[in-house]
């Protein structure tokens, strides 16, 4: 089974990337879940760390 982990805010948001200065965008939790399913993945868990970073844990369906 393949797995995939990424981090992004749960809500729609825009910010300046700390390394490049370029704009970064969050599509929000619901949009990420729809895209994961459309590409053969499923959301299997979430977590938030002490820095308020939101993690999405996925697996291949």
PDB file of N, CA and C in Angstrom:
ATOM      1  N   UNK A   1       0.847  -1.174   0.000  1.00  0.00           N
ATOM      2  CA  UNK A   1       0.000   0.000   0.000  1.00  0.00           C
ATOM      3  C   UNK A   1       0.893   1.237   0.000  1.00  0.00           C
ATOM      4  N   UNK A   2       0.583   2.211  -0.826  1.00  0.00           N
ATOM      5  CA  UNK A   2       1.329   3.465  -0.855  1.00  0.00           C
ATOM      6  C   UNK A   2       0.747   4.459   0.131  1.00  0.00           C
ATOM      7  N   UNK A   3       1.604   5.279   0.702  1.00  0.00           N
ATOM      8  CA  UNK A   3       1.149   6.323   1.608  1.00  0.00           C
ATOM      9  C   UNK A   3       1.708   7.664   1.171  1.00  0.00           C
ATOM     10  N   UNK A   4       1.054   8.729   1.608  1.00  0.00           N
ATOM     11  CA  UNK A   4       1.452  10.078   1.235  1.00  0.00           C
ATOM     12  C   UNK A   4       1.109  11.000   2.400  1.00  0.00           C
ATOM     13  N   UNK A   5       2.037  11.836   2.802  1.00  0.00           N
ATOM     14  CA  UNK A   5       1.837  12.788   3.887  1.00  0.00           C
ATOM     15  C   UNK A   5       2.103  14.186   3.358  1.00  0.00           C
ATOM     16  N   UNK A   6       1.216  15.129   3.680  1.00  0.00           N
ATOM     17  CA  UNK A   6       1.493  16.525   3.351  1.00  0.00           C
ATOM     18  C   UNK A   6       0.900  17.417   4.426  1.00  0.00           C
ATOM     19  N   UNK A   7       1.354  18.650   4.454  1.00  0.00           N
ATOM     20  CA  UNK A   7       0.860  19.608   5.428  1.00  0.00           C
ATOM     21  C   UNK A   7       0.317  20.839   4.714  1.00  0.00           C
ATOM     22  N   UNK A   8      -0.822  21.312   5.188  1.00  0.00           N
ATOM     23  CA  UNK A   8      -1.470  22.509   4.636  1.00  0.00           C
ATOM     24  C   UNK A   8      -2.537  22.946   5.636  1.00  0.00           C
ATOM     25  N   UNK A   9      -2.835  24.235   5.690  1.00  0.00           N
ATOM     26  CA  UNK A   9      -3.906  24.690   6.588  1.00  0.00           C
ATOM     27  C   UNK A   9      -5.253  24.040   6.245  1.00  0.00           C
ATOM     28  N   UNK A  10      -6.093  23.878   7.259  1.00  0.00           N
ATOM     29  CA  UNK A  10      -7.426  23.294   7.050  1.00  0.00           C
ATOM     30  C   UNK A  10      -8.364  24.257   6.334  1.00  0.00           C
ATOM     31  N   UNK A  11      -8.094  25.544   6.407  1.00  0.00           N
ATOM     32  CA  UNK A  11      -8.976  26.542   5.813  1.00  0.00           C
ATOM     33  C   UNK A  11      -8.308  27.178   4.591  1.00  0.00           C
ATOM     34  N   UNK A  12      -9.112  27.863   3.795  1.00  0.00           N
ATOM     35  CA  UNK A  12      -8.571  28.614   2.657  1.00  0.00           C
ATOM     36  C   UNK A  12      -7.669  29.704   3.223  1.00  0.00           C
ATOM     37  N   UNK A  13      -6.471  29.828   2.668  1.00  0.00           N
ATOM     38  CA  UNK A  13      -5.519  30.805   3.178  1.00  0.00           C
ATOM     39  C   UNK A  13      -4.468  31.115   2.116  1.00  0.00           C
ATOM     40  N   UNK A  14      -3.842  32.258   2.222  1.00  0.00           N
ATOM     41  CA  UNK A  14      -2.737  32.669   1.355  1.00  0.00           C
ATOM     42  C   UNK A  14      -1.660  33.261   2.249  1.00  0.00           C
ATOM     43  N   UNK A  15      -0.394  32.939   1.967  1.00  0.00           N
ATOM     44  CA  UNK A  15       0.720  33.473   2.742  1.00  0.00           C
ATOM     45  C   UNK A  15       1.956  33.514   1.870  1.00  0.00           C
ATOM     46  N   UNK A  16       2.957  34.197   2.342  1.00  0.00           N
ATOM     47  CA  UNK A  16       4.221  34.303   1.626  1.00  0.00           C
ATOM     48  C   UNK A  16       5.150  33.188   2.102  1.00  0.00           C
ATOM     49  N   UNK A  17       5.649  32.380   1.173  1.00  0.00           N
ATOM     50  CA  UNK A  17       6.551  31.285   1.515  1.00  0.00           C
ATOM     51  C   UNK A  17       7.814  31.835   2.179  1.00  0.00           C
ATOM     52  N   UNK A  18       8.190  31.259   3.304  1.00  0.00           N
ATOM     53  CA  UNK A  18       9.327  31.738   4.059  1.00  0.00           C
ATOM     54  C   UNK A  18      10.663  31.577   3.359  1.00  0.00           C
ATOM     55  N   UNK A  19      10.780  30.621   2.449  1.00  0.00           N
ATOM     56  CA  UNK A  19      12.056  30.385   1.766  1.00  0.00           C
ATOM     57  C   UNK A  19      12.162  31.126   0.438  1.00  0.00           C
ATOM     58  N   UNK A  20      11.049  31.232  -0.276  1.00  0.00           N
ATOM     59  CA  UNK A  20      11.106  31.822  -1.616  1.00  0.00           C
ATOM     60  C   UNK A  20      10.480  33.207  -1.703  1.00  0.00           C
ATOM     61  N   UNK A  21       9.629  33.535  -0.739  1.00  0.00           N
ATOM     62  CA  UNK A  21       8.907  34.795  -0.793  1.00  0.00           C
ATOM     63  C   UNK A  21       7.720  34.778  -1.746  1.00  0.00           C
ATOM     64  N   UNK A  22       7.509  33.648  -2.430  1.00  0.00           N
ATOM     65  CA  UNK A  22       6.394  33.519  -3.370  1.00  0.00           C
ATOM     66  C   UNK A  22       5.096  33.232  -2.626  1.00  0.00           C
ATOM     67  N   UNK A  23       3.965  33.578  -3.214  1.00  0.00           N
ATOM     68  CA  UNK A  23       2.691  33.286  -2.553  1.00  0.00           C
ATOM     69  C   UNK A  23       2.424  31.784  -2.504  1.00  0.00           C
ATOM     70  N   UNK A  24       1.872  31.352  -1.380  1.00  0.00           N
ATOM     71  CA  UNK A  24       1.427  29.969  -1.194  1.00  0.00           C
ATOM     72  C   UNK A  24      -0.062  30.009  -0.912  1.00  0.00           C
ATOM     73  N   UNK A  25      -0.759  28.944  -1.287  1.00  0.00           N
ATOM     74  CA  UNK A  25      -2.214  28.908  -1.175  1.00  0.00           C
ATOM     75  C   UNK A  25      -2.654  27.599  -0.543  1.00  0.00           C
ATOM     76  N   UNK A  26      -3.640  27.676   0.333  1.00  0.00           N
ATOM     77  CA  UNK A  26      -4.300  26.491   0.861  1.00  0.00           C
ATOM     78  C   UNK A  26      -5.699  26.437   0.263  1.00  0.00           C
ATOM     79  N   UNK A  27      -6.079  25.275  -0.229  1.00  0.00           N
ATOM     80  CA  UNK A  27      -7.402  25.080  -0.826  1.00  0.00           C
ATOM     81  C   UNK A  27      -8.461  24.716   0.202  1.00  0.00           C
ATOM     82  N   UNK A  28      -8.073  24.316   1.384  1.00  0.00           N
ATOM     83  CA  UNK A  28      -8.921  23.910   2.508  1.00  0.00           C
ATOM     84  C   UNK A  28      -9.152  22.395   2.508  1.00  0.00           C
ATOM     85  N   UNK A  29      -9.465  21.909   3.667  1.00  0.00           N
ATOM     86  CA  UNK A  29      -9.606  20.475   3.916  1.00  0.00           C
ATOM     87  C   UNK A  29     -10.520  19.768   2.907  1.00  0.00           C
ATOM     88  N   UNK A  30     -11.704  20.309   2.681  1.00  0.00           N
ATOM     89  CA  UNK A  30     -12.677  19.652   1.803  1.00  0.00           C
ATOM     90  C   UNK A  30     -12.150  19.518   0.378  1.00  0.00           C
ATOM     91  N   UNK A  31     -11.490  20.544  -0.124  1.00  0.00           N
ATOM     92  CA  UNK A  31     -10.942  20.496  -1.480  1.00  0.00           C
ATOM     93  C   UNK A  31      -9.821  19.468  -1.575  1.00  0.00           C
ATOM     94  N   UNK A  32      -8.967  19.396  -0.559  1.00  0.00           N
ATOM     95  CA  UNK A  32      -7.903  18.399  -0.572  1.00  0.00           C
ATOM     96  C   UNK A  32      -8.474  16.987  -0.546  1.00  0.00           C
ATOM     97  N   UNK A  33      -9.473  16.766   0.273  1.00  0.00           N
ATOM     98  CA  UNK A  33     -10.080  15.432   0.339  1.00  0.00           C
ATOM     99  C   UNK A  33     -10.694  15.036  -1.008  1.00  0.00           C
ATOM    100  N   UNK A  34     -11.387  15.959  -1.675  1.00  0.00           N
ATOM    101  CA  UNK A  34     -11.960  15.674  -3.007  1.00  0.00           C
ATOM    102  C   UNK A  34     -10.855  15.327  -4.005  1.00  0.00           C
ATOM    103  N   UNK A  35      -9.766  16.091  -4.012  1.00  0.00           N
ATOM    104  CA  UNK A  35      -8.663  15.837  -4.946  1.00  0.00           C
ATOM    105  C   UNK A  35      -7.971  14.505  -4.663  1.00  0.00           C
ATOM    106  N   UNK A  36      -7.811  14.177  -3.400  1.00  0.00           N
ATOM    107  CA  UNK A  36      -7.198  12.891  -3.042  1.00  0.00           C
ATOM    108  C   UNK A  36      -8.025  11.739  -3.597  1.00  0.00           C
ATOM    109  N   UNK A  37      -9.335  11.779  -3.365  1.00  0.00           N
ATOM    110  CA  UNK A  37     -10.232  10.719  -3.848  1.00  0.00           C
ATOM    111  C   UNK A  37     -10.198  10.651  -5.371  1.00  0.00           C
ATOM    112  N   UNK A  38     -10.199  11.797  -6.030  1.00  0.00           N
ATOM    113  CA  UNK A  38     -10.179  11.833  -7.497  1.00  0.00           C
ATOM    114  C   UNK A  38      -8.898  11.217  -8.067  1.00  0.00           C
ATOM    115  N   UNK A  39      -7.852  11.144  -7.254  1.00  0.00           N
ATOM    116  CA  UNK A  39      -6.577  10.600  -7.719  1.00  0.00           C
ATOM    117  C   UNK A  39      -6.226   9.266  -7.054  1.00  0.00           C
ATOM    118  N   UNK A  40      -7.261   8.558  -6.563  1.00  0.00           N
ATOM    119  CA  UNK A  40      -7.076   7.205  -6.057  1.00  0.00           C
ATOM    120  C   UNK A  40      -6.505   7.114  -4.658  1.00  0.00           C
ATOM    121  N   UNK A  41      -6.581   8.195  -3.898  1.00  0.00           N
ATOM    122  CA  UNK A  41      -6.104   8.183  -2.511  1.00  0.00           C
ATOM    123  C   UNK A  41      -7.277   8.409  -1.576  1.00  0.00           C
ATOM    124  N   UNK A  42      -7.089   8.051  -0.316  1.00  0.00           N
ATOM    125  CA  UNK A  42      -8.102   8.354   0.685  1.00  0.00           C
ATOM    126  C   UNK A  42      -7.425   8.954   1.899  1.00  0.00           C
ATOM    127  N   UNK A  43      -8.106   9.872   2.541  1.00  0.00           N
ATOM    128  CA  UNK A  43      -7.609  10.490   3.755  1.00  0.00           C
ATOM    129  C   UNK A  43      -7.794   9.492   4.888  1.00  0.00           C
ATOM    130  N   UNK A  44      -6.706   9.130   5.565  1.00  0.00           N
ATOM    131  CA  UNK A  44      -6.794   8.137   6.640  1.00  0.00           C
ATOM    132  C   UNK A  44      -6.504   8.730   8.008  1.00  0.00           C
ATOM    133  N   UNK A  45      -6.118  10.002   8.063  1.00  0.00           N
ATOM    134  CA  UNK A  45      -5.880  10.628   9.355  1.00  0.00           C
ATOM    135  C   UNK A  45      -5.435  12.070   9.214  1.00  0.00           C
ATOM    136  N   UNK A  46      -5.508  12.773  10.329  1.00  0.00           N
ATOM    137  CA  UNK A  46      -5.082  14.167  10.432  1.00  0.00           C
ATOM    138  C   UNK A  46      -4.358  14.337  11.762  1.00  0.00           C
ATOM    139  N   UNK A  47      -3.518  15.348  11.831  1.00  0.00           N
ATOM    140  CA  UNK A  47      -2.871  15.689  13.091  1.00  0.00           C
ATOM    141  C   UNK A  47      -2.487  17.160  13.040  1.00  0.00           C
ATOM    142  N   UNK A  48      -2.340  17.773  14.182  1.00  0.00           N
ATOM    143  CA  UNK A  48      -1.884  19.156  14.302  1.00  0.00           C
ATOM    144  C   UNK A  48      -0.763  19.166  15.322  1.00  0.00           C
ATOM    145  N   UNK A  49       0.354  19.813  14.983  1.00  0.00           N
ATOM    146  CA  UNK A  49       1.466  19.870  15.929  1.00  0.00           C
ATOM    147  C   UNK A  49       1.410  21.137  16.776  1.00  0.00           C
ATOM    148  N   UNK A  50       2.381  21.288  17.660  1.00  0.00           N
ATOM    149  CA  UNK A  50       2.388  22.428  18.588  1.00  0.00           C
ATOM    150  C   UNK A  50       2.544  23.773  17.881  1.00  0.00           C
ATOM    151  N   UNK A  51       3.020  23.766  16.650  1.00  0.00           N
ATOM    152  CA  UNK A  51       3.127  24.995  15.859  1.00  0.00           C
ATOM    153  C   UNK A  51       1.873  25.290  15.055  1.00  0.00           C
ATOM    154  N   UNK A  52       0.802  24.520  15.283  1.00  0.00           N
ATOM    155  CA  UNK A  52      -0.480  24.645  14.599  1.00  0.00           C
ATOM    156  C   UNK A  52      -0.380  24.294  13.110  1.00  0.00           C
ATOM    157  N   UNK A  53       0.570  23.418  12.762  1.00  0.00           N
ATOM    158  CA  UNK A  53       0.688  22.888  11.398  1.00  0.00           C
ATOM    159  C   UNK A  53      -0.228  21.678  11.275  1.00  0.00           C
ATOM    160  N   UNK A  54      -1.053  21.661  10.240  1.00  0.00           N
ATOM    161  CA  UNK A  54      -2.030  20.586  10.034  1.00  0.00           C
ATOM    162  C   UNK A  54      -1.474  19.556   9.047  1.00  0.00           C
ATOM    163  N   UNK A  55      -1.493  18.283   9.425  1.00  0.00           N
ATOM    164  CA  UNK A  55      -0.962  17.191   8.602  1.00  0.00           C
ATOM    165  C   UNK A  55      -2.101  16.310   8.088  1.00  0.00           C
ATOM    166  N   UNK A  56      -1.982  15.918   6.848  1.00  0.00           N
ATOM    167  CA  UNK A  56      -2.926  14.998   6.205  1.00  0.00           C
ATOM    168  C   UNK A  56      -2.191  13.704   5.919  1.00  0.00           C
ATOM    169  N   UNK A  57      -2.728  12.584   6.405  1.00  0.00           N
ATOM    170  CA  UNK A  57      -2.169  11.258   6.153  1.00  0.00           C
ATOM    171  C   UNK A  57      -3.082  10.559   5.151  1.00  0.00           C
ATOM    172  N   UNK A  58      -2.528  10.084   4.068  1.00  0.00           N
ATOM    173  CA  UNK A  58      -3.329   9.458   3.025  1.00  0.00           C
ATOM    174  C   UNK A  58      -2.771   8.075   2.684  1.00  0.00           C
ATOM    175  N   UNK A  59      -3.580   7.301   2.014  1.00  0.00           N
ATOM    176  CA  UNK A  59      -3.175   5.977   1.543  1.00  0.00           C
ATOM    177  C   UNK A  59      -3.814   5.716   0.186  1.00  0.00           C
ATOM    178  N   UNK A  60      -3.160   4.891  -0.598  1.00  0.00           N
ATOM    179  CA  UNK A  60      -3.698   4.512  -1.887  1.00  0.00           C
ATOM    180  C   UNK A  60      -4.891   3.597  -1.673  1.00  0.00           C
ATOM    181  N   UNK A  61      -5.991   3.869  -2.408  1.00  0.00           N
ATOM    182  CA  UNK A  61      -7.206   3.054  -2.250  1.00  0.00           C
ATOM    183  C   UNK A  61      -7.058   1.741  -2.965  1.00  0.00           C
TER     184      UNK A  61
END
